[in-house]
Amino acid sequence: MVVSRAGSVALIVGSMLNVINHYDLLLGSPLTAQILIQMGLTYIVPYCVSTHGQAGWRKGSADANGG
């Protein structure tokens, strides 16, 4: 559940960030290896943040319920 939800968040948020950060590519600028790496990293960050947030929430929820 955590992985699939984090993947969905990464896909949505990462795509939005890529459009914001690399909108000039939509206008015809050349695509380089460096830009491809940056675009890939843009998806990794929301995935990590979402996974960390869900794990923390689950731990806090388990602690509150005595488990």
Protein backbone atom coordinates (compact mmCIF):
# COMPACT_ATOMS: atom_id res chain seq x y z
CA MET A 1 0.00 0.00 0.00
CA VAL A 2 2.78 2.43 0.90
CA VAL A 3 4.75 1.77 -2.29
CA SER A 4 1.76 2.08 -4.62
CA ARG A 5 0.55 5.28 -2.98
CA ALA A 6 4.05 6.78 -2.99
CA GLY A 7 4.38 5.82 -6.66
CA SER A 8 1.14 7.59 -7.50
CA VAL A 9 2.22 10.69 -5.60
CA ALA A 10 5.61 10.65 -7.34
CA LEU A 11 4.01 10.31 -10.76
CA ILE A 12 1.58 13.19 -10.23
CA VAL A 13 3.83 15.58 -8.30
CA GLY A 14 6.96 14.71 -10.29
CA SER A 15 5.16 15.34 -13.58
CA MET A 16 3.88 18.70 -12.36
CA LEU A 17 7.36 19.69 -11.18
CA ASN A 18 8.93 18.57 -14.45
CA VAL A 19 6.52 20.72 -16.43
CA ILE A 20 7.25 23.69 -14.17
CA ASN A 21 11.02 23.20 -14.20
CA HIS A 22 11.47 22.14 -17.82
CA TYR A 23 8.68 23.94 -19.68
CA ASP A 24 11.22 25.16 -22.21
CA LEU A 25 11.56 21.57 -23.47
CA LEU A 26 7.93 21.76 -24.52
CA LEU A 27 8.90 24.76 -26.63
CA GLY A 28 11.55 22.80 -28.53
CA SER A 29 14.77 23.09 -26.51
CA PRO A 30 17.15 20.13 -26.92
CA LEU A 31 16.95 17.24 -24.46
CA THR A 32 20.34 16.37 -22.97
CA ALA A 33 21.54 13.60 -20.66
CA GLN A 34 21.85 16.10 -17.82
CA ILE A 35 18.23 17.17 -18.21
CA LEU A 36 17.08 13.54 -18.28
CA ILE A 37 18.91 12.92 -14.99
CA GLN A 38 17.31 16.02 -13.47
CA MET A 39 13.88 14.88 -14.62
CA GLY A 40 14.41 11.44 -13.08
CA LEU A 41 15.49 12.92 -9.78
CA THR A 42 12.39 15.09 -9.81
CA TYR A 43 10.31 11.89 -9.47
CA ILE A 44 12.49 10.40 -6.74
CA VAL A 45 12.06 13.29 -4.31
CA PRO A 46 8.23 13.16 -4.00
CA TYR A 47 8.45 9.34 -3.79
CA CYS A 48 10.85 9.54 -0.84
CA VAL A 49 8.86 12.26 0.91
CA SER A 50 5.59 10.33 0.50
CA THR A 51 7.13 7.07 1.70
CA HIS A 52 8.69 8.75 4.72
CA GLY A 53 5.43 10.51 5.61
CA GLN A 54 3.38 7.33 5.35
CA ALA A 55 5.88 5.33 7.39
CA GLY A 56 5.90 7.98 10.10
CA TRP A 57 2.12 8.11 10.15
CA ARG A 58 1.86 4.33 10.41
CA LYS A 59 4.41 4.23 13.24
CA GLY A 60 2.63 7.02 15.09
CA SER A 61 -0.72 5.31 14.58
CA ALA A 62 0.65 2.01 15.88
CA ASP A 63 2.23 3.73 18.92
CA ALA A 64 -1.06 5.48 19.73
CA ASN A 65 -2.92 2.17 19.60
CA GLY A 66 -0.39 0.48 21.88
CA GLY A 67 1.16 -1.67 19.22
